[in-house]
């Protein structure tokens, strides 16, 4: 694969992870994970007011993380399950194969630096 194409793919993945990596957007995704909700219902479920909610929903739509459907004057949003499965698969690929050389069978627990950094990183000793 050409280096420029690979760089473009990495940039697209980074942009997607930025969309996922915001606590308000995660809260919205959690609210609409099981069934479609209208904007007012999302506002009630999350406590996120306008116009912030609209701004965050726009980012989620642009990243194709939610599906939207208009019904009259209301727009309903729901997590795009197929897209989430694609993302999970892409992240699994980054993790490598189980039993990969250099990995131990019982990894050390994740080390979280002070300041509350994300717990998805693991330090192996």
PDB file of N, CA and C in Angstrom:
ATOM      1  N   UNK A   1       0.847  -1.172   0.000  1.00  0.00           N
ATOM      2  CA  UNK A   1       0.000   0.000   0.000  1.00  0.00           C
ATOM      3  C   UNK A   1       0.897   1.241   0.000  1.00  0.00           C
ATOM      4  N   UNK A   2       0.629   2.209  -0.899  1.00  0.00           N
ATOM      5  CA  UNK A   2       1.456   3.416  -0.943  1.00  0.00           C
ATOM      6  C   UNK A   2       1.407   4.176   0.382  1.00  0.00           C
ATOM      7  N   UNK A   3       2.533   4.796   0.711  1.00  0.00           N
ATOM      8  CA  UNK A   3       2.668   5.511   1.978  1.00  0.00           C
ATOM      9  C   UNK A   3       1.613   6.608   2.116  1.00  0.00           C
ATOM     10  N   UNK A   4       1.304   7.346   1.028  1.00  0.00           N
ATOM     11  CA  UNK A   4       0.332   8.434   1.104  1.00  0.00           C
ATOM     12  C   UNK A   4      -1.068   7.906   1.398  1.00  0.00           C
ATOM     13  N   UNK A   5      -1.403   6.738   0.832  1.00  0.00           N
ATOM     14  CA  UNK A   5      -2.711   6.134   1.105  1.00  0.00           C
ATOM     15  C   UNK A   5      -2.802   5.676   2.556  1.00  0.00           C
ATOM     16  N   UNK A   6      -1.715   5.104   3.032  1.00  0.00           N
ATOM     17  CA  UNK A   6      -1.655   4.655   4.419  1.00  0.00           C
ATOM     18  C   UNK A   6      -1.778   5.844   5.374  1.00  0.00           C
ATOM     19  N   UNK A   7      -1.091   6.932   5.053  1.00  0.00           N
ATOM     20  CA  UNK A   7      -1.166   8.142   5.885  1.00  0.00           C
ATOM     21  C   UNK A   7      -2.593   8.686   5.911  1.00  0.00           C
ATOM     22  N   UNK A   8      -3.271   8.656   4.791  1.00  0.00           N
ATOM     23  CA  UNK A   8      -4.657   9.132   4.730  1.00  0.00           C
ATOM     24  C   UNK A   8      -5.573   8.248   5.584  1.00  0.00           C
ATOM     25  N   UNK A   9      -5.329   6.939   5.554  1.00  0.00           N
ATOM     26  CA  UNK A   9      -6.120   6.023   6.379  1.00  0.00           C
ATOM     27  C   UNK A   9      -5.880   6.282   7.865  1.00  0.00           C
ATOM     28  N   UNK A  10      -4.631   6.517   8.236  1.00  0.00           N
ATOM     29  CA  UNK A  10      -4.319   6.814   9.642  1.00  0.00           C
ATOM     30  C   UNK A  10      -4.991   8.113  10.073  1.00  0.00           C
ATOM     31  N   UNK A  11      -4.986   9.106   9.214  1.00  0.00           N
ATOM     32  CA  UNK A  11      -5.630  10.384   9.543  1.00  0.00           C
ATOM     33  C   UNK A  11      -7.138  10.205   9.715  1.00  0.00           C
ATOM     34  N   UNK A  12      -7.752   9.425   8.842  1.00  0.00           N
ATOM     35  CA  UNK A  12      -9.193   9.171   8.952  1.00  0.00           C
ATOM     36  C   UNK A  12      -9.519   8.427  10.248  1.00  0.00           C
ATOM     37  N   UNK A  13      -8.679   7.464  10.599  1.00  0.00           N
ATOM     38  CA  UNK A  13      -8.888   6.719  11.847  1.00  0.00           C
ATOM     39  C   UNK A  13      -8.709   7.635  13.049  1.00  0.00           C
ATOM     40  N   UNK A  14      -7.705   8.489  13.010  1.00  0.00           N
ATOM     41  CA  UNK A  14      -7.476   9.433  14.109  1.00  0.00           C
ATOM     42  C   UNK A  14      -8.662  10.374  14.265  1.00  0.00           C
ATOM     43  N   UNK A  15      -9.214  10.837  13.161  1.00  0.00           N
ATOM     44  CA  UNK A  15     -10.384  11.727  13.207  1.00  0.00           C
ATOM     45  C   UNK A  15     -11.580  11.007  13.823  1.00  0.00           C
ATOM     46  N   UNK A  16     -11.766   9.765  13.455  1.00  0.00           N
ATOM     47  CA  UNK A  16     -12.848   8.971  14.020  1.00  0.00           C
ATOM     48  C   UNK A  16     -12.663   8.790  15.522  1.00  0.00           C
ATOM     49  N   UNK A  17     -11.443   8.487  15.941  1.00  0.00           N
ATOM     50  CA  UNK A  17     -11.179   8.305  17.369  1.00  0.00           C
ATOM     51  C   UNK A  17     -11.352   9.609  18.142  1.00  0.00           C
ATOM     52  N   UNK A  18     -11.049  10.745  17.501  1.00  0.00           N
ATOM     53  CA  UNK A  18     -11.300  12.039  18.149  1.00  0.00           C
ATOM     54  C   UNK A  18     -12.798  12.230  18.363  1.00  0.00           C
ATOM     55  N   UNK A  19     -13.600  11.817  17.383  1.00  0.00           N
ATOM     56  CA  UNK A  19     -15.052  11.937  17.522  1.00  0.00           C
ATOM     57  C   UNK A  19     -15.549  11.058  18.672  1.00  0.00           C
ATOM     58  N   UNK A  20     -14.959   9.891  18.815  1.00  0.00           N
ATOM     59  CA  UNK A  20     -15.352   8.978  19.894  1.00  0.00           C
ATOM     60  C   UNK A  20     -14.791   9.402  21.249  1.00  0.00           C
ATOM     61  N   UNK A  21     -13.711  10.139  21.240  1.00  0.00           N
ATOM     62  CA  UNK A  21     -12.971  10.429  22.463  1.00  0.00           C
ATOM     63  C   UNK A  21     -13.431  11.660  23.217  1.00  0.00           C
ATOM     64  N   UNK A  22     -14.686  11.976  23.169  1.00  0.00           N
ATOM     65  CA  UNK A  22     -15.213  13.141  23.876  1.00  0.00           C
ATOM     66  C   UNK A  22     -16.310  12.657  24.830  1.00  0.00           C
ATOM     67  N   UNK A  23     -16.247  13.011  26.106  1.00  0.00           N
ATOM     68  CA  UNK A  23     -17.207  12.477  27.072  1.00  0.00           C
ATOM     69  C   UNK A  23     -18.663  12.813  26.752  1.00  0.00           C
ATOM     70  N   UNK A  24     -18.935  13.979  26.210  1.00  0.00           N
ATOM     71  CA  UNK A  24     -20.319  14.341  25.883  1.00  0.00           C
ATOM     72  C   UNK A  24     -20.826  13.476  24.733  1.00  0.00           C
ATOM     73  N   UNK A  25     -19.982  13.261  23.722  1.00  0.00           N
ATOM     74  CA  UNK A  25     -20.414  12.420  22.604  1.00  0.00           C
ATOM     75  C   UNK A  25     -20.586  10.968  23.037  1.00  0.00           C
ATOM     76  N   UNK A  26     -19.735  10.497  23.934  1.00  0.00           N
ATOM     77  CA  UNK A  26     -19.923   9.140  24.462  1.00  0.00           C
ATOM     78  C   UNK A  26     -21.234   9.034  25.227  1.00  0.00           C
ATOM     79  N   UNK A  27     -21.580  10.078  25.953  1.00  0.00           N
ATOM     80  CA  UNK A  27     -22.842  10.094  26.697  1.00  0.00           C
ATOM     81  C   UNK A  27     -24.027  10.030  25.723  1.00  0.00           C
ATOM     82  N   UNK A  28     -23.939  10.749  24.627  1.00  0.00           N
ATOM     83  CA  UNK A  28     -25.004  10.716  23.621  1.00  0.00           C
ATOM     84  C   UNK A  28     -25.106   9.335  23.003  1.00  0.00           C
ATOM     85  N   UNK A  29     -23.962   8.754  22.632  1.00  0.00           N
ATOM     86  CA  UNK A  29     -23.963   7.407  22.049  1.00  0.00           C
ATOM     87  C   UNK A  29     -24.569   6.391  23.003  1.00  0.00           C
ATOM     88  N   UNK A  30     -24.258   6.532  24.280  1.00  0.00           N
ATOM     89  CA  UNK A  30     -24.826   5.634  25.282  1.00  0.00           C
ATOM     90  C   UNK A  30     -26.358   5.777  25.322  1.00  0.00           C
ATOM     91  N   UNK A  31     -26.845   6.997  25.211  1.00  0.00           N
ATOM     92  CA  UNK A  31     -28.293   7.238  25.273  1.00  0.00           C
ATOM     93  C   UNK A  31     -29.025   6.635  24.081  1.00  0.00           C
ATOM     94  N   UNK A  32     -28.398   6.627  22.904  1.00  0.00           N
ATOM     95  CA  UNK A  32     -29.086   6.168  21.692  1.00  0.00           C
ATOM     96  C   UNK A  32     -28.622   4.788  21.242  1.00  0.00           C
ATOM     97  N   UNK A  33     -28.024   4.034  22.136  1.00  0.00           N
ATOM     98  CA  UNK A  33     -27.471   2.736  21.752  1.00  0.00           C
ATOM     99  C   UNK A  33     -28.536   1.672  21.525  1.00  0.00           C
ATOM    100  N   UNK A  34     -29.666   1.749  22.218  1.00  0.00           N
ATOM    101  CA  UNK A  34     -30.648   0.666  22.143  1.00  0.00           C
ATOM    102  C   UNK A  34     -31.810   0.943  21.202  1.00  0.00           C
ATOM    103  N   UNK A  35     -32.181   2.216  21.076  1.00  0.00           N
ATOM    104  CA  UNK A  35     -33.323   2.549  20.217  1.00  0.00           C
ATOM    105  C   UNK A  35     -33.204   4.004  19.770  1.00  0.00           C
ATOM    106  N   UNK A  36     -33.869   4.328  18.663  1.00  0.00           N
ATOM    107  CA  UNK A  36     -33.829   5.709  18.185  1.00  0.00           C
ATOM    108  C   UNK A  36     -34.506   6.656  19.174  1.00  0.00           C
ATOM    109  N   UNK A  37     -33.882   7.805  19.384  1.00  0.00           N
ATOM    110  CA  UNK A  37     -34.450   8.835  20.239  1.00  0.00           C
ATOM    111  C   UNK A  37     -34.491  10.151  19.474  1.00  0.00           C
ATOM    112  N   UNK A  38     -35.564  10.911  19.722  1.00  0.00           N
ATOM    113  CA  UNK A  38     -35.661  12.255  19.175  1.00  0.00           C
ATOM    114  C   UNK A  38     -34.713  13.160  19.948  1.00  0.00           C
ATOM    115  N   UNK A  39     -34.385  14.293  19.365  1.00  0.00           N
ATOM    116  CA  UNK A  39     -33.446  15.220  19.993  1.00  0.00           C
ATOM    117  C   UNK A  39     -33.907  15.601  21.399  1.00  0.00           C
ATOM    118  N   UNK A  40     -35.190  15.876  21.572  1.00  0.00           N
ATOM    119  CA  UNK A  40     -35.716  16.227  22.894  1.00  0.00           C
ATOM    120  C   UNK A  40     -35.540  15.101  23.900  1.00  0.00           C
ATOM    121  N   UNK A  41     -35.698  13.863  23.441  1.00  0.00           N
ATOM    122  CA  UNK A  41     -35.504  12.707  24.322  1.00  0.00           C
ATOM    123  C   UNK A  41     -34.037  12.549  24.711  1.00  0.00           C
ATOM    124  N   UNK A  42     -33.142  12.826  23.760  1.00  0.00           N
ATOM    125  CA  UNK A  42     -31.704  12.766  24.068  1.00  0.00           C
ATOM    126  C   UNK A  42     -31.363  13.841  25.082  1.00  0.00           C
ATOM    127  N   UNK A  43     -31.937  15.023  24.909  1.00  0.00           N
ATOM    128  CA  UNK A  43     -31.705  16.116  25.845  1.00  0.00           C
ATOM    129  C   UNK A  43     -32.177  15.725  27.249  1.00  0.00           C
ATOM    130  N   UNK A  44     -33.361  15.123  27.343  1.00  0.00           N
ATOM    131  CA  UNK A  44     -33.888  14.680  28.640  1.00  0.00           C
ATOM    132  C   UNK A  44     -33.016  13.586  29.256  1.00  0.00           C
ATOM    133  N   UNK A  45     -32.554  12.637  28.424  1.00  0.00           N
ATOM    134  CA  UNK A  45     -31.781  11.496  28.926  1.00  0.00           C
ATOM    135  C   UNK A  45     -30.376  11.900  29.375  1.00  0.00           C
ATOM    136  N   UNK A  46     -29.814  12.929  28.740  1.00  0.00           N
ATOM    137  CA  UNK A  46     -28.420  13.276  29.015  1.00  0.00           C
ATOM    138  C   UNK A  46     -28.250  14.561  29.813  1.00  0.00           C
ATOM    139  N   UNK A  47     -29.239  15.430  29.758  1.00  0.00           N
ATOM    140  CA  UNK A  47     -29.107  16.740  30.398  1.00  0.00           C
ATOM    141  C   UNK A  47     -28.279  17.714  29.579  1.00  0.00           C
ATOM    142  N   UNK A  48     -27.925  17.340  28.367  1.00  0.00           N
ATOM    143  CA  UNK A  48     -27.155  18.213  27.481  1.00  0.00           C
ATOM    144  C   UNK A  48     -28.138  19.137  26.769  1.00  0.00           C
ATOM    145  N   UNK A  49     -27.966  20.433  26.953  1.00  0.00           N
ATOM    146  CA  UNK A  49     -28.894  21.392  26.363  1.00  0.00           C
ATOM    147  C   UNK A  49     -28.504  21.826  24.968  1.00  0.00           C
ATOM    148  N   UNK A  50     -29.461  22.509  24.338  1.00  0.00           N
ATOM    149  CA  UNK A  50     -29.198  23.110  23.035  1.00  0.00           C
ATOM    150  C   UNK A  50     -28.339  24.350  23.248  1.00  0.00           C
ATOM    151  N   UNK A  51     -27.493  24.806  22.365  1.00  0.00           N
ATOM    152  CA  UNK A  51     -27.185  24.217  21.064  1.00  0.00           C
ATOM    153  C   UNK A  51     -26.067  23.180  21.121  1.00  0.00           C
ATOM    154  N   UNK A  52     -25.526  22.937  22.325  1.00  0.00           N
ATOM    155  CA  UNK A  52     -24.434  21.974  22.461  1.00  0.00           C
ATOM    156  C   UNK A  52     -24.790  20.599  21.940  1.00  0.00           C
ATOM    157  N   UNK A  53     -26.017  20.168  22.209  1.00  0.00           N
ATOM    158  CA  UNK A  53     -26.449  18.845  21.760  1.00  0.00           C
ATOM    159  C   UNK A  53     -26.436  18.769  20.235  1.00  0.00           C
ATOM    160  N   UNK A  54     -26.953  19.791  19.578  1.00  0.00           N
ATOM    161  CA  UNK A  54     -26.963  19.797  18.109  1.00  0.00           C
ATOM    162  C   UNK A  54     -25.555  19.762  17.546  1.00  0.00           C
ATOM    163  N   UNK A  55     -24.648  20.502  18.163  1.00  0.00           N
ATOM    164  CA  UNK A  55     -23.262  20.527  17.709  1.00  0.00           C
ATOM    165  C   UNK A  55     -22.633  19.139  17.832  1.00  0.00           C
ATOM    166  N   UNK A  56     -22.853  18.474  18.963  1.00  0.00           N
ATOM    167  CA  UNK A  56     -22.269  17.147  19.176  1.00  0.00           C
ATOM    168  C   UNK A  56     -22.902  16.107  18.253  1.00  0.00           C
ATOM    169  N   UNK A  57     -24.204  16.206  18.034  1.00  0.00           N
ATOM    170  CA  UNK A  57     -24.868  15.283  17.109  1.00  0.00           C
ATOM    171  C   UNK A  57     -24.348  15.473  15.689  1.00  0.00           C
ATOM    172  N   UNK A  58     -24.048  16.700  15.317  1.00  0.00           N
ATOM    173  CA  UNK A  58     -23.488  16.975  13.991  1.00  0.00           C
ATOM    174  C   UNK A  58     -22.134  16.283  13.819  1.00  0.00           C
ATOM    175  N   UNK A  59     -21.316  16.328  14.846  1.00  0.00           N
ATOM    176  CA  UNK A  59     -20.005  15.664  14.794  1.00  0.00           C
ATOM    177  C   UNK A  59     -20.190  14.154  14.687  1.00  0.00           C
ATOM    178  N   UNK A  60     -21.138  13.606  15.443  1.00  0.00           N
ATOM    179  CA  UNK A  60     -21.400  12.164  15.388  1.00  0.00           C
ATOM    180  C   UNK A  60     -21.935  11.747  14.014  1.00  0.00           C
ATOM    181  N   UNK A  61     -22.780  12.584  13.413  1.00  0.00           N
ATOM    182  CA  UNK A  61     -23.288  12.294  12.062  1.00  0.00           C
ATOM    183  C   UNK A  61     -22.151  12.328  11.052  1.00  0.00           C
ATOM    184  N   UNK A  62     -21.303  13.353  11.136  1.00  0.00           N
ATOM    185  CA  UNK A  62     -20.184  13.494  10.194  1.00  0.00           C
ATOM    186  C   UNK A  62     -19.250  12.292  10.286  1.00  0.00           C
ATOM    187  N   UNK A  63     -19.040  11.777  11.490  1.00  0.00           N
ATOM    188  CA  UNK A  63     -18.183  10.603  11.695  1.00  0.00           C
ATOM    189  C   UNK A  63     -18.914   9.303  11.377  1.00  0.00           C
ATOM    190  N   UNK A  64     -20.184   9.404  11.001  1.00  0.00           N
ATOM    191  CA  UNK A  64     -21.020   8.244  10.663  1.00  0.00           C
ATOM    192  C   UNK A  64     -21.152   7.274  11.823  1.00  0.00           C
ATOM    193  N   UNK A  65     -21.234   7.828  13.029  1.00  0.00           N
ATOM    194  CA  UNK A  65     -21.396   7.000  14.226  1.00  0.00           C
ATOM    195  C   UNK A  65     -22.854   6.833  14.617  1.00  0.00           C
ATOM    196  N   UNK A  66     -23.714   7.710  14.109  1.00  0.00           N
ATOM    197  CA  UNK A  66     -25.142   7.603  14.370  1.00  0.00           C
ATOM    198  C   UNK A  66     -25.895   7.636  13.049  1.00  0.00           C
ATOM    199  N   UNK A  67     -27.038   6.989  13.072  1.00  0.00           N
ATOM    200  CA  UNK A  67     -27.983   7.056  11.958  1.00  0.00           C
ATOM    201  C   UNK A  67     -29.050   8.060  12.348  1.00  0.00           C
ATOM    202  N   UNK A  68     -29.523   8.837  11.389  1.00  0.00           N
ATOM    203  CA  UNK A  68     -30.584   9.787  11.680  1.00  0.00           C
ATOM    204  C   UNK A  68     -31.742   9.559  10.711  1.00  0.00           C
ATOM    205  N   UNK A  69     -32.944   9.787  11.228  1.00  0.00           N
ATOM    206  CA  UNK A  69     -34.139   9.618  10.401  1.00  0.00           C
ATOM    207  C   UNK A  69     -35.130  10.696  10.782  1.00  0.00           C
ATOM    208  N   UNK A  70     -35.596  11.422   9.778  1.00  0.00           N
ATOM    209  CA  UNK A  70     -36.577  12.471  10.008  1.00  0.00           C
ATOM    210  C   UNK A  70     -37.975  11.874   9.969  1.00  0.00           C
ATOM    211  N   UNK A  71     -38.785  12.263  10.938  1.00  0.00           N
ATOM    212  CA  UNK A  71     -40.189  11.862  10.988  1.00  0.00           C
ATOM    213  C   UNK A  71     -40.979  13.138  11.294  1.00  0.00           C
ATOM    214  N   UNK A  72     -41.513  13.759  10.254  1.00  0.00           N
ATOM    215  CA  UNK A  72     -42.173  15.041  10.431  1.00  0.00           C
ATOM    216  C   UNK A  72     -41.145  16.101  10.791  1.00  0.00           C
ATOM    217  N   UNK A  73     -41.374  16.798  11.892  1.00  0.00           N
ATOM    218  CA  UNK A  73     -40.436  17.830  12.335  1.00  0.00           C
ATOM    219  C   UNK A  73     -39.341  17.277  13.241  1.00  0.00           C
ATOM    220  N   UNK A  74     -39.475  16.031  13.667  1.00  0.00           N
ATOM    221  CA  UNK A  74     -38.496  15.450  14.583  1.00  0.00           C
ATOM    222  C   UNK A  74     -37.454  14.632  13.828  1.00  0.00           C
ATOM    223  N   UNK A  75     -36.243  14.664  14.367  1.00  0.00           N
ATOM    224  CA  UNK A  75     -35.171  13.816  13.853  1.00  0.00           C
ATOM    225  C   UNK A  75     -34.810  12.837  14.960  1.00  0.00           C
ATOM    226  N   UNK A  76     -34.766  11.555  14.598  1.00  0.00           N
ATOM    227  CA  UNK A  76     -34.421  10.493  15.544  1.00  0.00           C
ATOM    228  C   UNK A  76     -33.013  10.010  15.247  1.00  0.00           C
ATOM    229  N   UNK A  77     -32.275   9.718  16.316  1.00  0.00           N
ATOM    230  CA  UNK A  77     -30.881   9.263  16.201  1.00  0.00           C
ATOM    231  C   UNK A  77     -30.722   7.924  16.885  1.00  0.00           C
ATOM    232  N   UNK A  78     -29.860   7.095  16.290  1.00  0.00           N
ATOM    233  CA  UNK A  78     -29.512   5.814  16.888  1.00  0.00           C
ATOM    234  C   UNK A  78     -28.084   5.469  16.502  1.00  0.00           C
ATOM    235  N   UNK A  79     -27.393   4.760  17.390  1.00  0.00           N
ATOM    236  CA  UNK A  79     -26.033   4.295  17.096  1.00  0.00           C
ATOM    237  C   UNK A  79     -26.070   3.450  15.829  1.00  0.00           C
ATOM    238  N   UNK A  80     -25.085   3.643  14.971  1.00  0.00           N
ATOM    239  CA  UNK A  80     -24.926   2.816  13.779  1.00  0.00           C
ATOM    240  C   UNK A  80     -24.137   1.578  14.190  1.00  0.00           C
ATOM    241  N   UNK A  81     -24.849   0.501  14.480  1.00  0.00           N
ATOM    242  CA  UNK A  81     -24.224  -0.726  14.969  1.00  0.00           C
ATOM    243  C   UNK A  81     -23.218  -1.315  14.005  1.00  0.00           C
ATOM    244  N   UNK A  82     -23.507  -1.250  12.703  1.00  0.00           N
ATOM    245  CA  UNK A  82     -22.582  -1.795  11.709  1.00  0.00           C
ATOM    246  C   UNK A  82     -21.279  -1.003  11.708  1.00  0.00           C
ATOM    247  N   UNK A  83     -21.386   0.313  11.833  1.00  0.00           N
ATOM    248  CA  UNK A  83     -20.184   1.163  11.869  1.00  0.00           C
ATOM    249  C   UNK A  83     -19.362   0.876  13.125  1.00  0.00           C
ATOM    250  N   UNK A  84     -20.047   0.695  14.254  1.00  0.00           N
ATOM    251  CA  UNK A  84     -19.337   0.385  15.493  1.00  0.00           C
ATOM    252  C   UNK A  84     -18.605  -0.954  15.382  1.00  0.00           C
ATOM    253  N   UNK A  85     -19.216  -1.921  14.696  1.00  0.00           N
ATOM    254  CA  UNK A  85     -18.560  -3.218  14.490  1.00  0.00           C
ATOM    255  C   UNK A  85     -17.307  -3.053  13.639  1.00  0.00           C
ATOM    256  N   UNK A  86     -17.368  -2.192  12.611  1.00  0.00           N
ATOM    257  CA  UNK A  86     -16.192  -1.917  11.780  1.00  0.00           C
ATOM    258  C   UNK A  86     -15.066  -1.313  12.623  1.00  0.00           C
ATOM    259  N   UNK A  87     -15.431  -0.377  13.488  1.00  0.00           N
ATOM    260  CA  UNK A  87     -14.443   0.287  14.338  1.00  0.00           C
ATOM    261  C   UNK A  87     -13.810  -0.720  15.289  1.00  0.00           C
ATOM    262  N   UNK A  88     -14.644  -1.571  15.880  1.00  0.00           N
ATOM    263  CA  UNK A  88     -14.130  -2.589  16.797  1.00  0.00           C
ATOM    264  C   UNK A  88     -13.156  -3.515  16.075  1.00  0.00           C
ATOM    265  N   UNK A  89     -13.487  -3.881  14.842  1.00  0.00           N
ATOM    266  CA  UNK A  89     -12.608  -4.751  14.061  1.00  0.00           C
ATOM    267  C   UNK A  89     -11.284  -4.051  13.773  1.00  0.00           C
ATOM    268  N   UNK A  90     -11.336  -2.771  13.417  1.00  0.00           N
ATOM    269  CA  UNK A  90     -10.109  -2.020  13.129  1.00  0.00           C
ATOM    270  C   UNK A  90      -9.225  -1.925  14.370  1.00  0.00           C
ATOM    271  N   UNK A  91      -9.829  -1.730  15.529  1.00  0.00           N
ATOM    272  CA  UNK A  91      -9.055  -1.654  16.768  1.00  0.00           C
ATOM    273  C   UNK A  91      -8.485  -3.011  17.145  1.00  0.00           C
ATOM    274  N   UNK A  92      -9.218  -4.069  16.847  1.00  0.00           N
ATOM    275  CA  UNK A  92      -8.731  -5.420  17.111  1.00  0.00           C
ATOM    276  C   UNK A  92      -7.484  -5.697  16.283  1.00  0.00           C
ATOM    277  N   UNK A  93      -7.474  -5.250  15.038  1.00  0.00           N
ATOM    278  CA  UNK A  93      -6.319  -5.439  14.172  1.00  0.00           C
ATOM    279  C   UNK A  93      -5.097  -4.752  14.773  1.00  0.00           C
ATOM    280  N   UNK A  94      -5.278  -3.564  15.339  1.00  0.00           N
ATOM    281  CA  UNK A  94      -4.160  -2.854  15.965  1.00  0.00           C
ATOM    282  C   UNK A  94      -3.615  -3.617  17.167  1.00  0.00           C
ATOM    283  N   UNK A  95      -4.463  -4.402  17.819  1.00  0.00           N
ATOM    284  CA  UNK A  95      -4.040  -5.160  18.986  1.00  0.00           C
ATOM    285  C   UNK A  95      -3.218  -6.384  18.645  1.00  0.00           C
ATOM    286  N   UNK A  96      -3.231  -6.803  17.393  1.00  0.00           N
ATOM    287  CA  UNK A  96      -2.451  -7.972  16.988  1.00  0.00           C
ATOM    288  C   UNK A  96      -3.173  -9.262  17.329  1.00  0.00           C
ATOM    289  N   UNK A  97      -2.553 -10.341  16.951  1.00  0.00           N
ATOM    290  CA  UNK A  97      -3.099 -11.675  17.190  1.00  0.00           C
ATOM    291  C   UNK A  97      -2.835 -12.124  18.621  1.00  0.00           C
ATOM    292  N   UNK A  98      -3.722 -12.911  19.180  1.00  0.00           N
ATOM    293  CA  UNK A  98      -3.499 -13.494  20.508  1.00  0.00           C
ATOM    294  C   UNK A  98      -2.290 -14.410  20.422  1.00  0.00           C
ATOM    295  N   UNK A  99      -1.471 -14.370  21.430  1.00  0.00           N
ATOM    296  CA  UNK A  99      -0.297 -15.220  21.449  1.00  0.00           C
ATOM    297  C   UNK A  99       0.850 -14.679  20.615  1.00  0.00           C
ATOM    298  N   UNK A 100       0.725 -13.436  20.179  1.00  0.00           N
ATOM    299  CA  UNK A 100       1.760 -12.800  19.369  1.00  0.00           C
ATOM    300  C   UNK A 100       3.086 -12.810  20.123  1.00  0.00           C
ATOM    301  N   UNK A 101       4.167 -12.990  19.396  1.00  0.00           N
ATOM    302  CA  UNK A 101       5.493 -13.031  20.018  1.00  0.00           C
ATOM    303  C   UNK A 101       5.730 -11.761  20.827  1.00  0.00           C
ATOM    304  N   UNK A 102       6.276 -11.918  22.005  1.00  0.00           N
ATOM    305  CA  UNK A 102       6.563 -10.780  22.848  1.00  0.00           C
ATOM    306  C   UNK A 102       5.479 -10.492  23.867  1.00  0.00           C
ATOM    307  N   UNK A 103       4.335 -11.079  23.720  1.00  0.00           N
ATOM    308  CA  UNK A 103       3.264 -10.873  24.690  1.00  0.00           C
ATOM    309  C   UNK A 103       3.299 -11.986  25.711  1.00  0.00           C
ATOM    310  N   UNK A 104       2.923 -11.642  26.904  1.00  0.00           N
ATOM    311  CA  UNK A 104       2.861 -12.657  27.943  1.00  0.00           C
ATOM    312  C   UNK A 104       1.440 -13.157  28.056  1.00  0.00           C
ATOM    313  N   UNK A 105       1.261 -14.332  28.625  1.00  0.00           N
ATOM    314  CA  UNK A 105      -0.084 -14.877  28.744  1.00  0.00           C
ATOM    315  C   UNK A 105      -0.902 -14.143  29.796  1.00  0.00           C
ATOM    316  N   UNK A 106      -0.249 -13.538  30.756  1.00  0.00           N
ATOM    317  CA  UNK A 106      -0.958 -12.777  31.787  1.00  0.00           C
ATOM    318  C   UNK A 106      -0.377 -11.369  31.837  1.00  0.00           C
ATOM    319  N   UNK A 107      -0.956 -10.451  31.033  1.00  0.00           N
ATOM    320  CA  UNK A 107      -0.391  -9.107  30.979  1.00  0.00           C
ATOM    321  C   UNK A 107      -0.518  -8.384  32.309  1.00  0.00           C
ATOM    322  N   UNK A 108       0.406  -7.448  32.531  1.00  0.00           N
ATOM    323  CA  UNK A 108       0.344  -6.608  33.718  1.00  0.00           C
ATOM    324  C   UNK A 108      -0.894  -5.743  33.647  1.00  0.00           C
ATOM    325  N   UNK A 109      -1.413  -5.342  34.791  1.00  0.00           N
ATOM    326  CA  UNK A 109      -2.566  -4.452  34.751  1.00  0.00           C
ATOM    327  C   UNK A 109      -2.191  -3.125  34.109  1.00  0.00           C
ATOM    328  N   UNK A 110      -3.197  -2.437  33.571  1.00  0.00           N
ATOM    329  CA  UNK A 110      -2.962  -1.142  32.942  1.00  0.00           C
ATOM    330  C   UNK A 110      -2.412  -0.170  33.968  1.00  0.00           C
ATOM    331  N   UNK A 111      -1.473   0.628  33.527  1.00  0.00           N
ATOM    332  CA  UNK A 111      -0.897   1.641  34.393  1.00  0.00           C
ATOM    333  C   UNK A 111      -1.458   2.976  33.947  1.00  0.00           C
ATOM    334  N   UNK A 112      -2.117   3.690  34.838  1.00  0.00           N
ATOM    335  CA  UNK A 112      -2.697   4.978  34.513  1.00  0.00           C
ATOM    336  C   UNK A 112      -1.876   6.068  35.162  1.00  0.00           C
ATOM    337  N   UNK A 113      -1.257   6.921  34.342  1.00  0.00           N
ATOM    338  CA  UNK A 113      -0.489   8.011  34.911  1.00  0.00           C
ATOM    339  C   UNK A 113      -1.389   8.957  35.682  1.00  0.00           C
ATOM    340  N   UNK A 114      -0.791   9.718  36.596  1.00  0.00           N
ATOM    341  CA  UNK A 114      -1.581  10.695  37.321  1.00  0.00           C
ATOM    342  C   UNK A 114      -2.148  11.673  36.325  1.00  0.00           C
ATOM    343  N   UNK A 115      -3.340  12.192  36.609  1.00  0.00           N
ATOM    344  CA  UNK A 115      -3.994  13.115  35.704  1.00  0.00           C
ATOM    345  C   UNK A 115      -5.161  12.470  34.998  1.00  0.00           C
ATOM    346  N   UNK A 116      -5.403  11.174  35.238  1.00  0.00           N
ATOM    347  CA  UNK A 116      -6.600  10.527  34.708  1.00  0.00           C
ATOM    348  C   UNK A 116      -6.527  10.150  33.246  1.00  0.00           C
ATOM    349  N   UNK A 117      -5.388   9.799  32.739  1.00  0.00           N
ATOM    350  CA  UNK A 117      -5.288   9.389  31.342  1.00  0.00           C
ATOM    351  C   UNK A 117      -6.140   8.153  31.100  1.00  0.00           C
ATOM    352  N   UNK A 118      -6.479   7.932  29.848  1.00  0.00           N
ATOM    353  CA  UNK A 118      -7.328   6.802  29.485  1.00  0.00           C
ATOM    354  C   UNK A 118      -6.704   5.482  29.905  1.00  0.00           C
ATOM    355  N   UNK A 119      -7.545   4.509  30.224  1.00  0.00           N
ATOM    356  CA  UNK A 119      -7.064   3.235  30.725  1.00  0.00           C
ATOM    357  C   UNK A 119      -6.936   2.193  29.618  1.00  0.00           C
ATOM    358  N   UNK A 120      -6.980   2.567  28.351  1.00  0.00           N
ATOM    359  CA  UNK A 120      -6.862   1.578  27.296  1.00  0.00           C
ATOM    360  C   UNK A 120      -5.427   1.222  27.005  1.00  0.00           C
ATOM    361  N   UNK A 121      -4.482   2.018  27.469  1.00  0.00           N
ATOM    362  CA  UNK A 121      -3.070   1.721  27.239  1.00  0.00           C
ATOM    363  C   UNK A 121      -2.568   0.788  28.319  1.00  0.00           C
ATOM    364  N   UNK A 122      -1.732  -0.152  27.951  1.00  0.00           N
ATOM    365  CA  UNK A 122      -1.186  -1.102  28.899  1.00  0.00           C
ATOM    366  C   UNK A 122       0.326  -1.065  28.823  1.00  0.00           C
ATOM    367  N   UNK A 123       0.964  -1.067  29.954  1.00  0.00           N
ATOM    368  CA  UNK A 123       2.415  -1.095  29.995  1.00  0.00           C
ATOM    369  C   UNK A 123       2.836  -2.497  30.399  1.00  0.00           C
ATOM    370  N   UNK A 124       3.665  -3.129  29.550  1.00  0.00           N
ATOM    371  CA  UNK A 124       4.143  -4.469  29.827  1.00  0.00           C
ATOM    372  C   UNK A 124       5.574  -4.356  30.335  1.00  0.00           C
ATOM    373  N   UNK A 125       5.885  -5.130  31.359  1.00  0.00           N
ATOM    374  CA  UNK A 125       7.232  -5.098  31.930  1.00  0.00           C
ATOM    375  C   UNK A 125       7.948  -6.376  31.646  1.00  0.00           C
TER     376      UNK A 125
END
